[in-house]
């Protein structure tokens, strides 16, 4: 696994809010081949594992947060520390 890049805490909080509110969202992310993939659905969990943060969608797809491009057309923010 390549080195994980921390996602901004505020963006992380927004993802958790979407999961808590069970709001449908449109997500664009980069898959293992580096291709852009767009999906729509519910975030059911935001969690940490293997020294990285992930989200799990209601269809079972799991995405490492630093592979996200945008959520509901909002570009991902990374920590600047």
PDB file of N, CA and C in Angstrom:
ATOM      1  N   UNK A   1       0.851  -1.180   0.000  1.00  0.00           N
ATOM      2  CA  UNK A   1       0.000   0.000   0.000  1.00  0.00           C
ATOM      3  C   UNK A   1       0.892   1.237   0.000  1.00  0.00           C
ATOM      4  N   UNK A   2       0.551   2.221  -0.844  1.00  0.00           N
ATOM      5  CA  UNK A   2       1.327   3.442  -0.881  1.00  0.00           C
ATOM      6  C   UNK A   2       1.043   4.289   0.359  1.00  0.00           C
ATOM      7  N   UNK A   3       1.922   5.258   0.605  1.00  0.00           N
ATOM      8  CA  UNK A   3       1.829   6.093   1.805  1.00  0.00           C
ATOM      9  C   UNK A   3       0.512   6.861   1.828  1.00  0.00           C
ATOM     10  N   UNK A   4      -0.152   6.811   2.981  1.00  0.00           N
ATOM     11  CA  UNK A   4      -1.438   7.484   3.155  1.00  0.00           C
ATOM     12  C   UNK A   4      -1.218   8.970   3.373  1.00  0.00           C
ATOM     13  N   UNK A   5      -2.039   9.796   2.721  1.00  0.00           N
ATOM     14  CA  UNK A   5      -2.008  11.242   2.884  1.00  0.00           C
ATOM     15  C   UNK A   5      -3.216  11.629   3.732  1.00  0.00           C
ATOM     16  N   UNK A   6      -2.966  12.299   4.852  1.00  0.00           N
ATOM     17  CA  UNK A   6      -4.055  12.673   5.757  1.00  0.00           C
ATOM     18  C   UNK A   6      -5.047  13.618   5.097  1.00  0.00           C
ATOM     19  N   UNK A   7      -6.312  13.354   5.328  1.00  0.00           N
ATOM     20  CA  UNK A   7      -7.396  14.193   4.844  1.00  0.00           C
ATOM     21  C   UNK A   7      -7.682  15.252   5.909  1.00  0.00           C
ATOM     22  N   UNK A   8      -8.001  16.452   5.475  1.00  0.00           N
ATOM     23  CA  UNK A   8      -8.326  17.542   6.389  1.00  0.00           C
ATOM     24  C   UNK A   8      -9.419  17.115   7.370  1.00  0.00           C
ATOM     25  N   UNK A   9      -9.252  17.459   8.640  1.00  0.00           N
ATOM     26  CA  UNK A   9     -10.218  17.053   9.684  1.00  0.00           C
ATOM     27  C   UNK A   9     -11.627  17.551   9.385  1.00  0.00           C
ATOM     28  N   UNK A  10     -11.757  18.761   8.864  1.00  0.00           N
ATOM     29  CA  UNK A  10     -13.076  19.299   8.528  1.00  0.00           C
ATOM     30  C   UNK A  10     -13.755  18.484   7.442  1.00  0.00           C
ATOM     31  N   UNK A  11     -12.987  18.052   6.452  1.00  0.00           N
ATOM     32  CA  UNK A  11     -13.546  17.226   5.379  1.00  0.00           C
ATOM     33  C   UNK A  11     -13.951  15.860   5.933  1.00  0.00           C
ATOM     34  N   UNK A  12     -13.100  15.328   6.800  1.00  0.00           N
ATOM     35  CA  UNK A  12     -13.405  14.049   7.458  1.00  0.00           C
ATOM     36  C   UNK A  12     -14.719  14.169   8.229  1.00  0.00           C
ATOM     37  N   UNK A  13     -14.903  15.273   8.940  1.00  0.00           N
ATOM     38  CA  UNK A  13     -16.139  15.511   9.693  1.00  0.00           C
ATOM     39  C   UNK A  13     -17.354  15.581   8.766  1.00  0.00           C
ATOM     40  N   UNK A  14     -17.173  16.191   7.595  1.00  0.00           N
ATOM     41  CA  UNK A  14     -18.277  16.272   6.621  1.00  0.00           C
ATOM     42  C   UNK A  14     -18.679  14.882   6.137  1.00  0.00           C
ATOM     43  N   UNK A  15     -17.707  14.016   5.922  1.00  0.00           N
ATOM     44  CA  UNK A  15     -18.009  12.645   5.506  1.00  0.00           C
ATOM     45  C   UNK A  15     -18.776  11.906   6.591  1.00  0.00           C
ATOM     46  N   UNK A  16     -18.354  12.085   7.843  1.00  0.00           N
ATOM     47  CA  UNK A  16     -19.063  11.453   8.957  1.00  0.00           C
ATOM     48  C   UNK A  16     -20.491  11.979   9.078  1.00  0.00           C
ATOM     49  N   UNK A  17     -20.681  13.285   8.824  1.00  0.00           N
ATOM     50  CA  UNK A  17     -22.029  13.859   8.873  1.00  0.00           C
ATOM     51  C   UNK A  17     -22.910  13.256   7.785  1.00  0.00           C
ATOM     52  N   UNK A  18     -22.369  13.089   6.578  1.00  0.00           N
ATOM     53  CA  UNK A  18     -23.138  12.463   5.493  1.00  0.00           C
ATOM     54  C   UNK A  18     -23.549  11.049   5.877  1.00  0.00           C
ATOM     55  N   UNK A  19     -22.651  10.328   6.540  1.00  0.00           N
ATOM     56  CA  UNK A  19     -22.968   8.970   6.967  1.00  0.00           C
ATOM     57  C   UNK A  19     -24.048   8.983   8.048  1.00  0.00           C
ATOM     58  N   UNK A  20     -23.911   9.882   9.009  1.00  0.00           N
ATOM     59  CA  UNK A  20     -24.873   9.956  10.115  1.00  0.00           C
ATOM     60  C   UNK A  20     -26.258  10.357   9.618  1.00  0.00           C
ATOM     61  N   UNK A  21     -26.304  11.313   8.685  1.00  0.00           N
ATOM     62  CA  UNK A  21     -27.583  11.808   8.162  1.00  0.00           C
ATOM     63  C   UNK A  21     -28.164  10.895   7.080  1.00  0.00           C
ATOM     64  N   UNK A  22     -27.380   9.883   6.666  1.00  0.00           N
ATOM     65  CA  UNK A  22     -27.796   8.947   5.623  1.00  0.00           C
ATOM     66  C   UNK A  22     -28.243   9.675   4.354  1.00  0.00           C
ATOM     67  N   UNK A  23     -27.426  10.644   3.949  1.00  0.00           N
ATOM     68  CA  UNK A  23     -27.703  11.410   2.740  1.00  0.00           C
ATOM     69  C   UNK A  23     -27.014  10.764   1.546  1.00  0.00           C
ATOM     70  N   UNK A  24     -27.741  10.637   0.464  1.00  0.00           N
ATOM     71  CA  UNK A  24     -27.155  10.133  -0.765  1.00  0.00           C
ATOM     72  C   UNK A  24     -26.104  11.130  -1.246  1.00  0.00           C
ATOM     73  N   UNK A  25     -25.006  10.616  -1.764  1.00  0.00           N
ATOM     74  CA  UNK A  25     -23.967  11.508  -2.259  1.00  0.00           C
ATOM     75  C   UNK A  25     -23.323  10.928  -3.514  1.00  0.00           C
ATOM     76  N   UNK A  26     -22.736  11.833  -4.279  1.00  0.00           N
ATOM     77  CA  UNK A  26     -22.013  11.473  -5.506  1.00  0.00           C
ATOM     78  C   UNK A  26     -20.523  11.568  -5.193  1.00  0.00           C
ATOM     79  N   UNK A  27     -19.820  10.481  -5.402  1.00  0.00           N
ATOM     80  CA  UNK A  27     -18.403  10.407  -5.057  1.00  0.00           C
ATOM     81  C   UNK A  27     -17.587  10.104  -6.303  1.00  0.00           C
ATOM     82  N   UNK A  28     -16.504  10.848  -6.467  1.00  0.00           N
ATOM     83  CA  UNK A  28     -15.525  10.567  -7.519  1.00  0.00           C
ATOM     84  C   UNK A  28     -14.235  10.189  -6.801  1.00  0.00           C
ATOM     85  N   UNK A  29     -13.638   9.070  -7.227  1.00  0.00           N
ATOM     86  CA  UNK A  29     -12.389   8.615  -6.615  1.00  0.00           C
ATOM     87  C   UNK A  29     -11.508   7.963  -7.664  1.00  0.00           C
ATOM     88  N   UNK A  30     -10.243   7.734  -7.302  1.00  0.00           N
ATOM     89  CA  UNK A  30      -9.294   7.046  -8.179  1.00  0.00           C
ATOM     90  C   UNK A  30      -9.191   5.595  -7.731  1.00  0.00           C
ATOM     91  N   UNK A  31      -9.387   4.673  -8.670  1.00  0.00           N
ATOM     92  CA  UNK A  31      -9.272   3.247  -8.340  1.00  0.00           C
ATOM     93  C   UNK A  31      -7.801   2.824  -8.345  1.00  0.00           C
ATOM     94  N   UNK A  32      -7.545   1.540  -8.110  1.00  0.00           N
ATOM     95  CA  UNK A  32      -6.172   1.028  -8.019  1.00  0.00           C
ATOM     96  C   UNK A  32      -5.374   1.262  -9.301  1.00  0.00           C
ATOM     97  N   UNK A  33      -6.063   1.345 -10.436  1.00  0.00           N
ATOM     98  CA  UNK A  33      -5.391   1.586 -11.714  1.00  0.00           C
ATOM     99  C   UNK A  33      -5.200   3.078 -11.980  1.00  0.00           C
ATOM    100  N   UNK A  34      -5.664   3.938 -11.049  1.00  0.00           N
ATOM    101  CA  UNK A  34      -5.535   5.380 -11.223  1.00  0.00           C
ATOM    102  C   UNK A  34      -6.634   5.993 -12.065  1.00  0.00           C
ATOM    103  N   UNK A  35      -7.643   5.192 -12.409  1.00  0.00           N
ATOM    104  CA  UNK A  35      -8.750   5.677 -13.229  1.00  0.00           C
ATOM    105  C   UNK A  35      -9.776   6.378 -12.352  1.00  0.00           C
ATOM    106  N   UNK A  36     -10.411   7.380 -12.901  1.00  0.00           N
ATOM    107  CA  UNK A  36     -11.456   8.105 -12.191  1.00  0.00           C
ATOM    108  C   UNK A  36     -12.762   7.317 -12.269  1.00  0.00           C
ATOM    109  N   UNK A  37     -13.392   7.116 -11.102  1.00  0.00           N
ATOM    110  CA  UNK A  37     -14.640   6.363 -11.010  1.00  0.00           C
ATOM    111  C   UNK A  37     -15.653   7.236 -10.289  1.00  0.00           C
ATOM    112  N   UNK A  38     -16.889   7.279 -10.800  1.00  0.00           N
ATOM    113  CA  UNK A  38     -17.954   8.032 -10.147  1.00  0.00           C
ATOM    114  C   UNK A  38     -19.047   7.069  -9.692  1.00  0.00           C
ATOM    115  N   UNK A  39     -19.440   7.208  -8.426  1.00  0.00           N
ATOM    116  CA  UNK A  39     -20.507   6.378  -7.872  1.00  0.00           C
ATOM    117  C   UNK A  39     -21.481   7.263  -7.117  1.00  0.00           C
ATOM    118  N   UNK A  40     -22.660   6.739  -6.880  1.00  0.00           N
ATOM    119  CA  UNK A  40     -23.649   7.446  -6.072  1.00  0.00           C
ATOM    120  C   UNK A  40     -24.244   6.468  -5.077  1.00  0.00           C
ATOM    121  N   UNK A  41     -24.442   6.930  -3.858  1.00  0.00           N
ATOM    122  CA  UNK A  41     -25.013   6.068  -2.839  1.00  0.00           C
ATOM    123  C   UNK A  41     -24.873   6.674  -1.463  1.00  0.00           C
ATOM    124  N   UNK A  42     -25.017   5.823  -0.449  1.00  0.00           N
ATOM    125  CA  UNK A  42     -24.941   6.250   0.940  1.00  0.00           C
ATOM    126  C   UNK A  42     -23.618   5.813   1.553  1.00  0.00           C
ATOM    127  N   UNK A  43     -22.998   6.721   2.301  1.00  0.00           N
ATOM    128  CA  UNK A  43     -21.837   6.363   3.107  1.00  0.00           C
ATOM    129  C   UNK A  43     -22.392   5.735   4.379  1.00  0.00           C
ATOM    130  N   UNK A  44     -21.995   4.507   4.669  1.00  0.00           N
ATOM    131  CA  UNK A  44     -22.508   3.843   5.867  1.00  0.00           C
ATOM    132  C   UNK A  44     -21.484   3.816   6.996  1.00  0.00           C
ATOM    133  N   UNK A  45     -20.207   4.069   6.684  1.00  0.00           N
ATOM    134  CA  UNK A  45     -19.194   4.063   7.730  1.00  0.00           C
ATOM    135  C   UNK A  45     -17.966   4.838   7.269  1.00  0.00           C
ATOM    136  N   UNK A  46     -17.340   5.526   8.210  1.00  0.00           N
ATOM    137  CA  UNK A  46     -16.036   6.157   8.017  1.00  0.00           C
ATOM    138  C   UNK A  46     -15.176   5.591   9.143  1.00  0.00           C
ATOM    139  N   UNK A  47     -14.066   4.947   8.790  1.00  0.00           N
ATOM    140  CA  UNK A  47     -13.301   4.221   9.799  1.00  0.00           C
ATOM    141  C   UNK A  47     -11.808   4.232   9.478  1.00  0.00           C
ATOM    142  N   UNK A  48     -11.009   3.867  10.480  1.00  0.00           N
ATOM    143  CA  UNK A  48      -9.559   3.767  10.325  1.00  0.00           C
ATOM    144  C   UNK A  48      -9.154   2.294  10.359  1.00  0.00           C
ATOM    145  N   UNK A  49      -8.218   1.939   9.487  1.00  0.00           N
ATOM    146  CA  UNK A  49      -7.657   0.587   9.448  1.00  0.00           C
ATOM    147  C   UNK A  49      -6.317   0.641   8.728  1.00  0.00           C
ATOM    148  N   UNK A  50      -5.370  -0.154   9.180  1.00  0.00           N
ATOM    149  CA  UNK A  50      -4.064  -0.251   8.515  1.00  0.00           C
ATOM    150  C   UNK A  50      -3.410   1.112   8.307  1.00  0.00           C
ATOM    151  N   UNK A  51      -3.488   1.968   9.310  1.00  0.00           N
ATOM    152  CA  UNK A  51      -2.867   3.298   9.310  1.00  0.00           C
ATOM    153  C   UNK A  51      -3.399   4.206   8.207  1.00  0.00           C
ATOM    154  N   UNK A  52      -4.676   4.055   7.859  1.00  0.00           N
ATOM    155  CA  UNK A  52      -5.328   4.906   6.862  1.00  0.00           C
ATOM    156  C   UNK A  52      -6.799   5.031   7.225  1.00  0.00           C
ATOM    157  N   UNK A  53      -7.468   6.015   6.640  1.00  0.00           N
ATOM    158  CA  UNK A  53      -8.904   6.205   6.842  1.00  0.00           C
ATOM    159  C   UNK A  53      -9.649   5.776   5.588  1.00  0.00           C
ATOM    160  N   UNK A  54     -10.830   5.200   5.793  1.00  0.00           N
ATOM    161  CA  UNK A  54     -11.636   4.663   4.704  1.00  0.00           C
ATOM    162  C   UNK A  54     -13.092   5.066   4.883  1.00  0.00           C
ATOM    163  N   UNK A  55     -13.843   4.969   3.792  1.00  0.00           N
ATOM    164  CA  UNK A  55     -15.298   5.032   3.906  1.00  0.00           C
ATOM    165  C   UNK A  55     -15.865   3.799   3.238  1.00  0.00           C
ATOM    166  N   UNK A  56     -17.009   3.361   3.744  1.00  0.00           N
ATOM    167  CA  UNK A  56     -17.704   2.205   3.184  1.00  0.00           C
ATOM    168  C   UNK A  56     -19.060   2.680   2.689  1.00  0.00           C
ATOM    169  N   UNK A  57     -19.396   2.323   1.463  1.00  0.00           N
ATOM    170  CA  UNK A  57     -20.669   2.683   0.863  1.00  0.00           C
ATOM    171  C   UNK A  57     -21.693   1.587   1.114  1.00  0.00           C
ATOM    172  N   UNK A  58     -22.970   1.912   0.954  1.00  0.00           N
ATOM    173  CA  UNK A  58     -24.046   0.942   1.186  1.00  0.00           C
ATOM    174  C   UNK A  58     -23.997  -0.235   0.212  1.00  0.00           C
ATOM    175  N   UNK A  59     -23.287  -0.103  -0.899  1.00  0.00           N
ATOM    176  CA  UNK A  59     -23.165  -1.216  -1.846  1.00  0.00           C
ATOM    177  C   UNK A  59     -21.919  -2.063  -1.577  1.00  0.00           C
ATOM    178  N   UNK A  60     -21.206  -1.771  -0.457  1.00  0.00           N
ATOM    179  CA  UNK A  60     -20.040  -2.554  -0.083  1.00  0.00           C
ATOM    180  C   UNK A  60     -18.711  -2.005  -0.564  1.00  0.00           C
ATOM    181  N   UNK A  61     -18.713  -1.020  -1.443  1.00  0.00           N
ATOM    182  CA  UNK A  61     -17.468  -0.433  -1.922  1.00  0.00           C
ATOM    183  C   UNK A  61     -16.773   0.270  -0.769  1.00  0.00           C
ATOM    184  N   UNK A  62     -15.468   0.030  -0.635  1.00  0.00           N
ATOM    185  CA  UNK A  62     -14.648   0.705   0.367  1.00  0.00           C
ATOM    186  C   UNK A  62     -13.610   1.547  -0.349  1.00  0.00           C
ATOM    187  N   UNK A  63     -13.455   2.796   0.097  1.00  0.00           N
ATOM    188  CA  UNK A  63     -12.560   3.736  -0.566  1.00  0.00           C
ATOM    189  C   UNK A  63     -11.641   4.359   0.475  1.00  0.00           C
ATOM    190  N   UNK A  64     -10.348   4.307   0.228  1.00  0.00           N
ATOM    191  CA  UNK A  64      -9.399   4.994   1.100  1.00  0.00           C
ATOM    192  C   UNK A  64      -9.572   6.495   0.875  1.00  0.00           C
ATOM    193  N   UNK A  65      -9.649   7.262   1.951  1.00  0.00           N
ATOM    194  CA  UNK A  65     -10.013   8.670   1.829  1.00  0.00           C
ATOM    195  C   UNK A  65      -9.058   9.478   0.956  1.00  0.00           C
ATOM    196  N   UNK A  66      -7.783   9.148   0.934  1.00  0.00           N
ATOM    197  CA  UNK A  66      -6.863   9.927   0.100  1.00  0.00           C
ATOM    198  C   UNK A  66      -6.976   9.570  -1.384  1.00  0.00           C
ATOM    199  N   UNK A  67      -7.869   8.643  -1.732  1.00  0.00           N
ATOM    200  CA  UNK A  67      -8.154   8.319  -3.137  1.00  0.00           C
ATOM    201  C   UNK A  67      -9.386   9.071  -3.640  1.00  0.00           C
ATOM    202  N   UNK A  68     -10.074   9.768  -2.732  1.00  0.00           N
ATOM    203  CA  UNK A  68     -11.229  10.575  -3.129  1.00  0.00           C
ATOM    204  C   UNK A  68     -10.782  11.759  -3.965  1.00  0.00           C
ATOM    205  N   UNK A  69     -11.593  12.118  -4.937  1.00  0.00           N
ATOM    206  CA  UNK A  69     -11.385  13.328  -5.733  1.00  0.00           C
ATOM    207  C   UNK A  69     -12.387  14.385  -5.288  1.00  0.00           C
ATOM    208  N   UNK A  70     -13.665  13.976  -5.179  1.00  0.00           N
ATOM    209  CA  UNK A  70     -14.701  14.909  -4.740  1.00  0.00           C
ATOM    210  C   UNK A  70     -15.879  14.141  -4.153  1.00  0.00           C
ATOM    211  N   UNK A  71     -16.627  14.858  -3.323  1.00  0.00           N
ATOM    212  CA  UNK A  71     -17.870  14.336  -2.748  1.00  0.00           C
ATOM    213  C   UNK A  71     -18.908  15.423  -2.943  1.00  0.00           C
ATOM    214  N   UNK A  72     -19.983  15.105  -3.655  1.00  0.00           N
ATOM    215  CA  UNK A  72     -21.028  16.087  -3.992  1.00  0.00           C
ATOM    216  C   UNK A  72     -20.418  17.336  -4.620  1.00  0.00           C
ATOM    217  N   UNK A  73     -19.483  17.122  -5.532  1.00  0.00           N
ATOM    218  CA  UNK A  73     -18.792  18.171  -6.293  1.00  0.00           C
ATOM    219  C   UNK A  73     -17.850  19.029  -5.460  1.00  0.00           C
ATOM    220  N   UNK A  74     -17.645  18.688  -4.194  1.00  0.00           N
ATOM    221  CA  UNK A  74     -16.678  19.406  -3.359  1.00  0.00           C
ATOM    222  C   UNK A  74     -15.355  18.659  -3.410  1.00  0.00           C
ATOM    223  N   UNK A  75     -14.302  19.371  -3.834  1.00  0.00           N
ATOM    224  CA  UNK A  75     -12.994  18.748  -3.926  1.00  0.00           C
ATOM    225  C   UNK A  75     -12.474  18.375  -2.551  1.00  0.00           C
ATOM    226  N   UNK A  76     -11.772  17.249  -2.481  1.00  0.00           N
ATOM    227  CA  UNK A  76     -11.210  16.785  -1.218  1.00  0.00           C
ATOM    228  C   UNK A  76     -10.152  17.764  -0.719  1.00  0.00           C
ATOM    229  N   UNK A  77     -10.061  17.911   0.589  1.00  0.00           N
ATOM    230  CA  UNK A  77      -9.064  18.764   1.227  1.00  0.00           C
ATOM    231  C   UNK A  77      -8.112  17.871   2.018  1.00  0.00           C
ATOM    232  N   UNK A  78      -6.821  18.161   1.906  1.00  0.00           N
ATOM    233  CA  UNK A  78      -5.819  17.401   2.648  1.00  0.00           C
ATOM    234  C   UNK A  78      -5.228  18.269   3.740  1.00  0.00           C
ATOM    235  N   UNK A  79      -4.708  17.613   4.784  1.00  0.00           N
ATOM    236  CA  UNK A  79      -4.048  18.338   5.878  1.00  0.00           C
ATOM    237  C   UNK A  79      -2.832  19.058   5.332  1.00  0.00           C
ATOM    238  N   UNK A  80      -2.568  20.226   5.877  1.00  0.00           N
ATOM    239  CA  UNK A  80      -1.433  21.013   5.439  1.00  0.00           C
ATOM    240  C   UNK A  80      -0.327  21.046   6.495  1.00  0.00           C
ATOM    241  N   UNK A  81      -0.482  20.288   7.582  1.00  0.00           N
ATOM    242  CA  UNK A  81       0.527  20.266   8.654  1.00  0.00           C
ATOM    243  C   UNK A  81       1.771  19.551   8.207  1.00  0.00           C
TER     244      UNK A  81
END
